[in-house]
Structures are given as C-alpha cells and as structure tokens.
Amino acid sequence: MRRKQRSESMHAFFNKFIIPNSSLIQFVKQYDNCLASREQREREFDAADFHTVILCVTKLAIEVQFQHVYTHEKFREVQTQFKEKVNYITRSMHFTLGFTTYKVIEQVSNFTFNKFFIMYDVVSREVKCQCLLFESRGILCCHSISVLSFE
C-alpha cells in the first residue's frame, strides 16, 4: 500500500469508533474498543479458517503447501495466481553462479507479449520476480509460480 492509502485505510477504520471532539479519556477507551473489535474479528476469521478448507484449483503440490500455510483470504489471492499461471510460457535463459534467469511470457494479443524476468536461486530455492508482487502483497505471482513449477 502506498502511504496515502494506508493512512486513508486507518482513518476509515478508526472513524467507526472515534468522534472528532473526544476527550483524551474517551479517545483511549474508544481506542481500546477499536483494538478489541479488531482482535475479535481476527479470532473469528481464524476459527473459520481452522474449521473449513478451500479446495485447490490445480493438482500442484505447491498449492497444497500454500493451502496449509496461508489464511483463507490470502489463499484465495494465491489461487488467482495459480489460475493465471496457465497463460504463461516459461523459458530458462541462462545459468550463472547458482542463479538461473527465466523469462516468463504472456501473449496478450496476436502481436503483443508481456515479458517478466525471474531470478531463481538454485541453492536456497528462492525466486525474485520483477513484478514485486511478493514484496508488495506477500503472495507469489503467477510468474514465480510458473518458474517453481518448471523447476
């Protein structure tokens, strides 16, 4: 999230609990109520995640691993990436010093292609994609999943 989005998100969250002319004591009490509400909601989500299972959309073992590690909300985001992976072609470009560079290509139209370059560390088995989805949202992108499937 950009700084402004994060700020707007927090304002929207706190505006449910705090009014503009609150005294300091009222503010602290409402802030505690706010945190308690958020914790309760997280406990409810955790309970729902514990008692239900979202089915996998592929037969890849890596998706099953994500199913066990992520919350339902994050797993649904990852599943979207697994579905999109089908549209990509993965090619190994070169290997140097324990790193393999891959090019992942998506055909957008007859003559238009999107290309993404992914570095794969053979030793640690880590991927780094130029789209930076993992760094920004905490989930692997379809390009990285494509490379991991290739490996």
N, C-alpha and C. Protein backbone atom coordinates (compact mmCIF):
# COMPACT_ATOMS: atom_id res chain seq x y z
N MET A 1 0.83 -1.19 0.00
CA MET A 1 0.00 0.00 0.00
C MET A 1 0.87 1.25 0.00
N ARG A 2 0.42 2.21 -0.72
CA ARG A 2 1.11 3.49 -0.67
C ARG A 2 0.79 4.15 0.66
N ARG A 3 1.62 5.09 1.04
CA ARG A 3 1.47 5.75 2.34
C ARG A 3 0.09 6.39 2.48
N LYS A 4 -0.40 7.06 1.43
CA LYS A 4 -1.71 7.72 1.48
C LYS A 4 -2.83 6.70 1.65
N GLN A 5 -2.74 5.57 0.92
CA GLN A 5 -3.77 4.53 1.05
C GLN A 5 -3.80 3.97 2.46
N ARG A 6 -2.62 3.73 3.02
CA ARG A 6 -2.55 3.18 4.38
C ARG A 6 -3.18 4.16 5.35
N SER A 7 -2.90 5.44 5.19
CA SER A 7 -3.45 6.47 6.06
C SER A 7 -4.97 6.53 5.93
N GLU A 8 -5.47 6.50 4.69
CA GLU A 8 -6.92 6.54 4.47
C GLU A 8 -7.60 5.31 5.05
N SER A 9 -6.95 4.16 4.93
CA SER A 9 -7.49 2.93 5.49
C SER A 9 -7.60 3.01 7.00
N MET A 10 -6.57 3.54 7.66
CA MET A 10 -6.60 3.67 9.11
C MET A 10 -7.66 4.67 9.55
N HIS A 11 -7.79 5.78 8.82
CA HIS A 11 -8.82 6.77 9.16
C HIS A 11 -10.21 6.14 9.07
N ALA A 12 -10.45 5.39 8.01
CA ALA A 12 -11.75 4.75 7.85
C ALA A 12 -12.03 3.78 8.99
N PHE A 13 -11.00 3.04 9.41
CA PHE A 13 -11.16 2.08 10.50
C PHE A 13 -11.46 2.79 11.81
N PHE A 14 -10.68 3.81 12.15
CA PHE A 14 -10.85 4.50 13.43
C PHE A 14 -12.10 5.37 13.46
N ASN A 15 -12.55 5.86 12.33
CA ASN A 15 -13.75 6.70 12.30
C ASN A 15 -15.00 5.96 12.76
N LYS A 16 -14.96 4.63 12.73
CA LYS A 16 -16.09 3.84 13.23
C LYS A 16 -16.20 3.94 14.76
N PHE A 17 -15.09 4.27 15.41
CA PHE A 17 -15.04 4.22 16.86
C PHE A 17 -14.82 5.58 17.53
N ILE A 18 -14.19 6.50 16.85
CA ILE A 18 -13.76 7.74 17.49
C ILE A 18 -14.43 8.93 16.83
N ILE A 19 -14.95 9.83 17.65
CA ILE A 19 -15.56 11.06 17.12
C ILE A 19 -14.56 12.21 17.26
N PRO A 20 -14.68 13.24 16.41
CA PRO A 20 -13.67 14.30 16.37
C PRO A 20 -13.43 15.05 17.68
N ASN A 21 -14.44 15.30 18.48
CA ASN A 21 -14.29 16.11 19.69
C ASN A 21 -14.19 15.27 20.97
N SER A 22 -13.58 14.11 20.87
CA SER A 22 -13.44 13.24 22.04
C SER A 22 -12.41 13.80 23.01
N SER A 23 -12.66 13.58 24.30
CA SER A 23 -11.65 13.92 25.29
C SER A 23 -10.57 12.84 25.23
N LEU A 24 -9.45 13.09 25.87
CA LEU A 24 -8.35 12.13 25.86
C LEU A 24 -8.78 10.80 26.48
N ILE A 25 -9.54 10.87 27.56
CA ILE A 25 -10.01 9.64 28.22
C ILE A 25 -10.96 8.87 27.30
N GLN A 26 -11.87 9.58 26.65
CA GLN A 26 -12.78 8.93 25.70
C GLN A 26 -12.00 8.32 24.55
N PHE A 27 -11.01 9.05 24.08
CA PHE A 27 -10.19 8.55 22.99
C PHE A 27 -9.52 7.23 23.36
N VAL A 28 -8.92 7.16 24.55
CA VAL A 28 -8.22 5.94 24.99
C VAL A 28 -9.21 4.78 25.12
N LYS A 29 -10.39 5.03 25.68
CA LYS A 29 -11.39 3.98 25.82
C LYS A 29 -11.86 3.49 24.46
N GLN A 30 -12.12 4.41 23.55
CA GLN A 30 -12.58 4.04 22.22
C GLN A 30 -11.48 3.31 21.43
N TYR A 31 -10.24 3.75 21.65
CA TYR A 31 -9.11 3.09 21.01
C TYR A 31 -9.02 1.63 21.48
N ASP A 32 -9.19 1.41 22.79
CA ASP A 32 -9.20 0.04 23.33
C ASP A 32 -10.34 -0.77 22.72
N ASN A 33 -11.54 -0.15 22.60
CA ASN A 33 -12.68 -0.83 21.97
C ASN A 33 -12.36 -1.19 20.52
N CYS A 34 -11.70 -0.28 19.86
CA CYS A 34 -11.32 -0.47 18.47
C CYS A 34 -10.40 -1.68 18.32
N LEU A 35 -9.37 -1.75 19.16
CA LEU A 35 -8.43 -2.87 19.11
C LEU A 35 -9.12 -4.18 19.49
N ALA A 36 -9.98 -4.13 20.48
CA ALA A 36 -10.72 -5.33 20.89
C ALA A 36 -11.60 -5.83 19.75
N SER A 37 -12.25 -4.92 19.05
CA SER A 37 -13.09 -5.29 17.92
C SER A 37 -12.27 -5.96 16.83
N ARG A 38 -11.11 -5.39 16.56
CA ARG A 38 -10.24 -5.95 15.52
C ARG A 38 -9.75 -7.35 15.93
N GLU A 39 -9.36 -7.51 17.18
CA GLU A 39 -8.90 -8.81 17.67
C GLU A 39 -10.02 -9.85 17.59
N GLN A 40 -11.23 -9.44 17.95
CA GLN A 40 -12.37 -10.36 17.89
C GLN A 40 -12.61 -10.82 16.45
N ARG A 41 -12.55 -9.88 15.53
CA ARG A 41 -12.76 -10.21 14.12
C ARG A 41 -11.68 -11.18 13.63
N GLU A 42 -10.44 -10.96 14.04
CA GLU A 42 -9.35 -11.86 13.65
C GLU A 42 -9.54 -13.25 14.24
N ARG A 43 -10.02 -13.32 15.50
CA ARG A 43 -10.29 -14.63 16.11
C ARG A 43 -11.39 -15.37 15.35
N GLU A 44 -12.42 -14.64 14.92
CA GLU A 44 -13.50 -15.26 14.14
C GLU A 44 -12.98 -15.78 12.81
N PHE A 45 -12.13 -15.00 12.14
CA PHE A 45 -11.54 -15.45 10.88
C PHE A 45 -10.67 -16.67 11.10
N ASP A 46 -9.87 -16.67 12.17
CA ASP A 46 -9.01 -17.81 12.47
C ASP A 46 -9.84 -19.07 12.72
N ALA A 47 -10.93 -18.93 13.45
CA ALA A 47 -11.80 -20.08 13.73
C ALA A 47 -12.40 -20.61 12.44
N ALA A 48 -12.85 -19.71 11.57
CA ALA A 48 -13.41 -20.14 10.29
C ALA A 48 -12.35 -20.84 9.45
N ASP A 49 -11.14 -20.31 9.44
CA ASP A 49 -10.05 -20.92 8.68
C ASP A 49 -9.71 -22.31 9.23
N PHE A 50 -9.78 -22.46 10.55
CA PHE A 50 -9.43 -23.73 11.18
C PHE A 50 -10.45 -24.82 10.87
N HIS A 51 -11.73 -24.45 10.75
CA HIS A 51 -12.79 -25.44 10.59
C HIS A 51 -13.22 -25.67 9.15
N THR A 52 -12.69 -24.93 8.21
CA THR A 52 -13.06 -25.11 6.81
C THR A 52 -11.81 -25.23 5.95
N VAL A 53 -11.98 -25.81 4.77
CA VAL A 53 -10.87 -25.97 3.83
C VAL A 53 -11.33 -25.47 2.47
N ILE A 54 -10.50 -24.66 1.84
CA ILE A 54 -10.77 -24.23 0.47
C ILE A 54 -10.09 -25.23 -0.46
N LEU A 55 -10.82 -25.76 -1.41
CA LEU A 55 -10.28 -26.75 -2.32
C LEU A 55 -9.26 -26.12 -3.26
N CYS A 56 -8.27 -26.92 -3.64
CA CYS A 56 -7.24 -26.46 -4.58
C CYS A 56 -7.81 -26.42 -6.00
N VAL A 57 -7.29 -25.51 -6.81
CA VAL A 57 -7.74 -25.39 -8.20
C VAL A 57 -6.83 -26.14 -9.16
N THR A 58 -5.63 -26.55 -8.68
CA THR A 58 -4.71 -27.32 -9.50
C THR A 58 -4.32 -28.58 -8.74
N LYS A 59 -3.53 -29.41 -9.39
CA LYS A 59 -3.03 -30.61 -8.74
C LYS A 59 -1.57 -30.45 -8.34
N LEU A 60 -1.10 -29.22 -8.30
CA LEU A 60 0.29 -28.96 -7.94
C LEU A 60 0.50 -29.06 -6.43
N ALA A 61 1.58 -29.72 -6.03
CA ALA A 61 1.89 -29.89 -4.62
C ALA A 61 2.13 -28.55 -3.94
N ILE A 62 2.67 -27.59 -4.67
CA ILE A 62 2.97 -26.28 -4.08
C ILE A 62 1.68 -25.58 -3.66
N GLU A 63 0.59 -25.78 -4.39
CA GLU A 63 -0.68 -25.15 -3.99
C GLU A 63 -1.18 -25.74 -2.67
N VAL A 64 -1.00 -27.03 -2.49
CA VAL A 64 -1.40 -27.68 -1.24
C VAL A 64 -0.60 -27.10 -0.07
N GLN A 65 0.70 -26.83 -0.30
CA GLN A 65 1.51 -26.22 0.75
C GLN A 65 0.95 -24.85 1.13
N PHE A 66 0.59 -24.04 0.14
CA PHE A 66 0.00 -22.73 0.40
C PHE A 66 -1.33 -22.86 1.14
N GLN A 67 -2.09 -23.88 0.79
CA GLN A 67 -3.39 -24.11 1.43
C GLN A 67 -3.23 -24.28 2.93
N HIS A 68 -2.14 -24.91 3.36
CA HIS A 68 -1.92 -25.15 4.79
C HIS A 68 -1.30 -23.96 5.51
N VAL A 69 -0.61 -23.11 4.79
CA VAL A 69 0.16 -22.02 5.41
C VAL A 69 -0.62 -20.71 5.47
N TYR A 70 -1.31 -20.37 4.39
CA TYR A 70 -1.99 -19.08 4.31
C TYR A 70 -3.38 -19.11 4.95
N THR A 71 -3.85 -17.94 5.33
CA THR A 71 -5.25 -17.80 5.74
C THR A 71 -6.11 -17.97 4.49
N HIS A 72 -7.41 -18.16 4.69
CA HIS A 72 -8.31 -18.34 3.54
C HIS A 72 -8.26 -17.14 2.60
N GLU A 73 -8.22 -15.96 3.18
CA GLU A 73 -8.22 -14.74 2.37
C GLU A 73 -6.98 -14.68 1.47
N LYS A 74 -5.81 -14.94 2.05
CA LYS A 74 -4.56 -14.92 1.26
C LYS A 74 -4.53 -16.09 0.28
N PHE A 75 -5.04 -17.23 0.70
CA PHE A 75 -5.02 -18.40 -0.18
C PHE A 75 -5.87 -18.16 -1.42
N ARG A 76 -6.98 -17.45 -1.28
CA ARG A 76 -7.80 -17.12 -2.45
C ARG A 76 -7.01 -16.24 -3.42
N GLU A 77 -6.23 -15.30 -2.88
CA GLU A 77 -5.39 -14.46 -3.73
C GLU A 77 -4.35 -15.31 -4.47
N VAL A 78 -3.75 -16.26 -3.76
CA VAL A 78 -2.75 -17.14 -4.37
C VAL A 78 -3.40 -18.00 -5.45
N GLN A 79 -4.61 -18.48 -5.19
CA GLN A 79 -5.30 -19.29 -6.18
C GLN A 79 -5.52 -18.53 -7.48
N THR A 80 -5.78 -17.26 -7.39
CA THR A 80 -5.91 -16.43 -8.59
C THR A 80 -4.62 -16.48 -9.40
N GLN A 81 -3.49 -16.44 -8.71
CA GLN A 81 -2.19 -16.51 -9.39
C GLN A 81 -1.99 -17.89 -10.03
N PHE A 82 -2.43 -18.95 -9.35
CA PHE A 82 -2.32 -20.30 -9.92
C PHE A 82 -3.16 -20.41 -11.20
N LYS A 83 -4.34 -19.81 -11.18
CA LYS A 83 -5.19 -19.84 -12.38
C LYS A 83 -4.55 -19.08 -13.53
N GLU A 84 -3.94 -17.93 -13.23
CA GLU A 84 -3.31 -17.12 -14.27
C GLU A 84 -2.04 -17.77 -14.83
N LYS A 85 -1.39 -18.60 -14.04
CA LYS A 85 -0.16 -19.27 -14.45
C LYS A 85 -0.34 -20.05 -15.75
N VAL A 86 -1.52 -20.52 -16.00
CA VAL A 86 -1.81 -21.31 -17.19
C VAL A 86 -1.52 -20.53 -18.47
N ASN A 87 -1.63 -19.21 -18.41
CA ASN A 87 -1.47 -18.37 -19.59
C ASN A 87 -0.03 -18.00 -19.91
N TYR A 88 0.94 -18.56 -19.20
CA TYR A 88 2.33 -18.14 -19.35
C TYR A 88 3.21 -19.27 -19.88
N ILE A 89 4.21 -18.88 -20.65
CA ILE A 89 5.23 -19.79 -21.15
C ILE A 89 6.52 -19.44 -20.43
N THR A 90 7.19 -20.46 -19.86
CA THR A 90 8.40 -20.24 -19.08
C THR A 90 9.61 -20.80 -19.83
N ARG A 91 10.66 -19.98 -19.95
CA ARG A 91 11.88 -20.38 -20.63
C ARG A 91 13.09 -20.03 -19.77
N SER A 92 14.00 -20.99 -19.64
CA SER A 92 15.26 -20.73 -18.95
C SER A 92 16.17 -19.97 -19.91
N MET A 93 16.75 -18.87 -19.44
CA MET A 93 17.59 -18.06 -20.32
C MET A 93 19.07 -18.36 -20.11
N HIS A 94 19.55 -18.25 -18.88
CA HIS A 94 20.95 -18.59 -18.61
C HIS A 94 21.16 -18.89 -17.13
N PHE A 95 22.28 -19.57 -16.87
CA PHE A 95 22.62 -20.00 -15.52
C PHE A 95 24.02 -19.50 -15.19
N THR A 96 24.17 -18.75 -14.09
CA THR A 96 25.48 -18.29 -13.64
C THR A 96 25.54 -18.27 -12.12
N LEU A 97 26.59 -18.81 -11.56
CA LEU A 97 26.89 -18.76 -10.13
C LEU A 97 25.71 -19.15 -9.24
N GLY A 98 25.02 -20.21 -9.59
CA GLY A 98 23.93 -20.70 -8.76
C GLY A 98 22.60 -20.00 -8.98
N PHE A 99 22.53 -19.10 -9.94
CA PHE A 99 21.29 -18.39 -10.25
C PHE A 99 20.87 -18.70 -11.68
N THR A 100 19.60 -18.99 -11.86
CA THR A 100 19.05 -19.18 -13.19
C THR A 100 18.10 -18.04 -13.48
N THR A 101 18.25 -17.45 -14.65
CA THR A 101 17.35 -16.39 -15.08
C THR A 101 16.32 -17.00 -16.02
N TYR A 102 15.06 -16.73 -15.72
CA TYR A 102 13.96 -17.21 -16.54
C TYR A 102 13.23 -16.04 -17.18
N LYS A 103 12.68 -16.30 -18.34
CA LYS A 103 11.79 -15.34 -18.98
C LYS A 103 10.42 -16.00 -19.04
N VAL A 104 9.44 -15.30 -18.49
CA VAL A 104 8.06 -15.79 -18.50
C VAL A 104 7.27 -14.87 -19.42
N ILE A 105 6.61 -15.47 -20.39
CA ILE A 105 5.94 -14.70 -21.45
C ILE A 105 4.44 -14.96 -21.43
N GLU A 106 3.68 -13.89 -21.55
CA GLU A 106 2.23 -13.97 -21.69
C GLU A 106 1.85 -13.33 -23.02
N GLN A 107 1.08 -14.06 -23.82
CA GLN A 107 0.60 -13.48 -25.07
C GLN A 107 -0.70 -12.74 -24.79
N VAL A 108 -0.66 -11.42 -24.95
CA VAL A 108 -1.81 -10.57 -24.67
C VAL A 108 -2.72 -10.50 -25.89
N SER A 109 -2.13 -10.37 -27.08
CA SER A 109 -2.87 -10.36 -28.34
C SER A 109 -1.97 -10.99 -29.39
N ASN A 110 -2.37 -10.94 -30.65
CA ASN A 110 -1.59 -11.60 -31.71
C ASN A 110 -0.13 -11.16 -31.73
N PHE A 111 0.13 -9.90 -31.53
CA PHE A 111 1.49 -9.39 -31.64
C PHE A 111 1.99 -8.69 -30.38
N THR A 112 1.26 -8.81 -29.30
CA THR A 112 1.64 -8.15 -28.06
C THR A 112 1.93 -9.20 -26.99
N PHE A 113 3.11 -9.07 -26.38
CA PHE A 113 3.53 -10.00 -25.35
C PHE A 113 3.98 -9.23 -24.11
N ASN A 114 3.65 -9.75 -22.94
CA ASN A 114 4.22 -9.25 -21.70
C ASN A 114 5.34 -10.19 -21.31
N LYS A 115 6.48 -9.64 -20.95
CA LYS A 115 7.63 -10.45 -20.55
C LYS A 115 8.06 -10.08 -19.14
N PHE A 116 8.34 -11.10 -18.36
CA PHE A 116 8.80 -10.91 -17.00
C PHE A 116 10.07 -11.73 -16.80
N PHE A 117 11.02 -11.15 -16.08
CA PHE A 117 12.27 -11.85 -15.81
C PHE A 117 12.31 -12.22 -14.34
N ILE A 118 12.64 -13.49 -14.10
CA ILE A 118 12.64 -14.03 -12.74
C ILE A 118 14.01 -14.63 -12.47
N MET A 119 14.57 -14.31 -11.30
CA MET A 119 15.82 -14.92 -10.86
C MET A 119 15.48 -16.06 -9.90
N TYR A 120 16.08 -17.22 -10.15
CA TYR A 120 15.87 -18.37 -9.29
C TYR A 120 17.21 -18.77 -8.67
N ASP A 121 17.27 -18.77 -7.34
CA ASP A 121 18.47 -19.18 -6.60
C ASP A 121 18.39 -20.68 -6.42
N VAL A 122 19.30 -21.40 -7.08
CA VAL A 122 19.27 -22.86 -7.06
C VAL A 122 19.54 -23.41 -5.66
N VAL A 123 20.41 -22.75 -4.90
CA VAL A 123 20.78 -23.24 -3.57
C VAL A 123 19.64 -23.03 -2.57
N SER A 124 19.14 -21.81 -2.45
CA SER A 124 18.10 -21.52 -1.45
C SER A 124 16.69 -21.79 -1.99
N ARG A 125 16.59 -22.01 -3.31
CA ARG A 125 15.30 -22.25 -4.00
C ARG A 125 14.35 -21.07 -3.84
N GLU A 126 14.89 -19.87 -3.89
CA GLU A 126 14.08 -18.66 -3.80
C GLU A 126 13.94 -18.03 -5.18
N VAL A 127 12.80 -17.38 -5.39
CA VAL A 127 12.55 -16.69 -6.65
C VAL A 127 12.38 -15.20 -6.38
N LYS A 128 12.76 -14.41 -7.36
CA LYS A 128 12.55 -12.96 -7.27
C LYS A 128 12.09 -12.50 -8.65
N CYS A 129 10.86 -11.98 -8.68
CA CYS A 129 10.27 -11.54 -9.94
C CYS A 129 10.30 -10.02 -10.02
N GLN A 130 10.42 -9.51 -11.21
CA GLN A 130 10.47 -8.06 -11.40
C GLN A 130 9.12 -7.40 -11.12
N CYS A 131 8.03 -8.15 -11.08
CA CYS A 131 6.72 -7.54 -10.80
C CYS A 131 6.56 -7.17 -9.32
N LEU A 132 7.38 -7.78 -8.44
CA LEU A 132 7.43 -7.48 -7.00
C LEU A 132 6.09 -7.68 -6.27
N LEU A 133 5.27 -8.60 -6.74
CA LEU A 133 4.01 -8.88 -6.06
C LEU A 133 4.25 -9.44 -4.65
N PHE A 134 5.24 -10.31 -4.51
CA PHE A 134 5.52 -10.89 -3.20
C PHE A 134 5.95 -9.80 -2.22
N GLU A 135 6.79 -8.89 -2.66
CA GLU A 135 7.28 -7.82 -1.80
C GLU A 135 6.17 -6.85 -1.42
N SER A 136 5.19 -6.66 -2.30
CA SER A 136 4.14 -5.68 -2.02
C SER A 136 2.92 -6.28 -1.33
N ARG A 137 2.56 -7.55 -1.66
CA ARG A 137 1.33 -8.12 -1.09
C ARG A 137 1.53 -9.43 -0.34
N GLY A 138 2.74 -9.96 -0.36
CA GLY A 138 3.02 -11.16 0.42
C GLY A 138 2.57 -12.46 -0.22
N ILE A 139 2.30 -12.44 -1.51
CA ILE A 139 1.94 -13.68 -2.20
C ILE A 139 2.80 -13.83 -3.45
N LEU A 140 3.06 -15.07 -3.82
CA LEU A 140 3.83 -15.32 -5.03
C LEU A 140 3.00 -14.99 -6.27
N CYS A 141 3.65 -14.41 -7.25
CA CYS A 141 2.98 -14.08 -8.51
C CYS A 141 2.93 -15.31 -9.40
N CYS A 142 2.08 -15.24 -10.42
CA CYS A 142 1.96 -16.36 -11.36
C CYS A 142 3.27 -16.61 -12.09
N HIS A 143 4.10 -15.59 -12.27
CA HIS A 143 5.39 -15.76 -12.95
C HIS A 143 6.32 -16.62 -12.10
N SER A 144 6.39 -16.31 -10.80
CA SER A 144 7.23 -17.09 -9.89
C SER A 144 6.71 -18.51 -9.74
N ILE A 145 5.40 -18.65 -9.65
CA ILE A 145 4.81 -20.00 -9.55
C ILE A 145 5.13 -20.81 -10.79
N SER A 146 5.11 -20.14 -11.93
CA SER A 146 5.45 -20.81 -13.19
C SER A 146 6.89 -21.32 -13.17
N VAL A 147 7.82 -20.50 -12.65
CA VAL A 147 9.22 -20.90 -12.55
C VAL A 147 9.36 -22.04 -11.56
N LEU A 148 8.71 -21.94 -10.40
CA LEU A 148 8.81 -23.01 -9.40
C LEU A 148 8.24 -24.32 -9.93
N SER A 149 7.18 -24.25 -10.71
CA SER A 149 6.62 -25.45 -11.33
C SER A 149 7.59 -26.02 -12.35
N PHE A 150 8.26 -25.15 -13.09
CA PHE A 150 9.25 -25.55 -14.07
C PHE A 150 10.41 -26.26 -13.40
N GLU A 151 10.83 -25.75 -12.25
CA GLU A 151 11.94 -26.34 -11.50
C GLU A 151 11.51 -27.67 -10.88
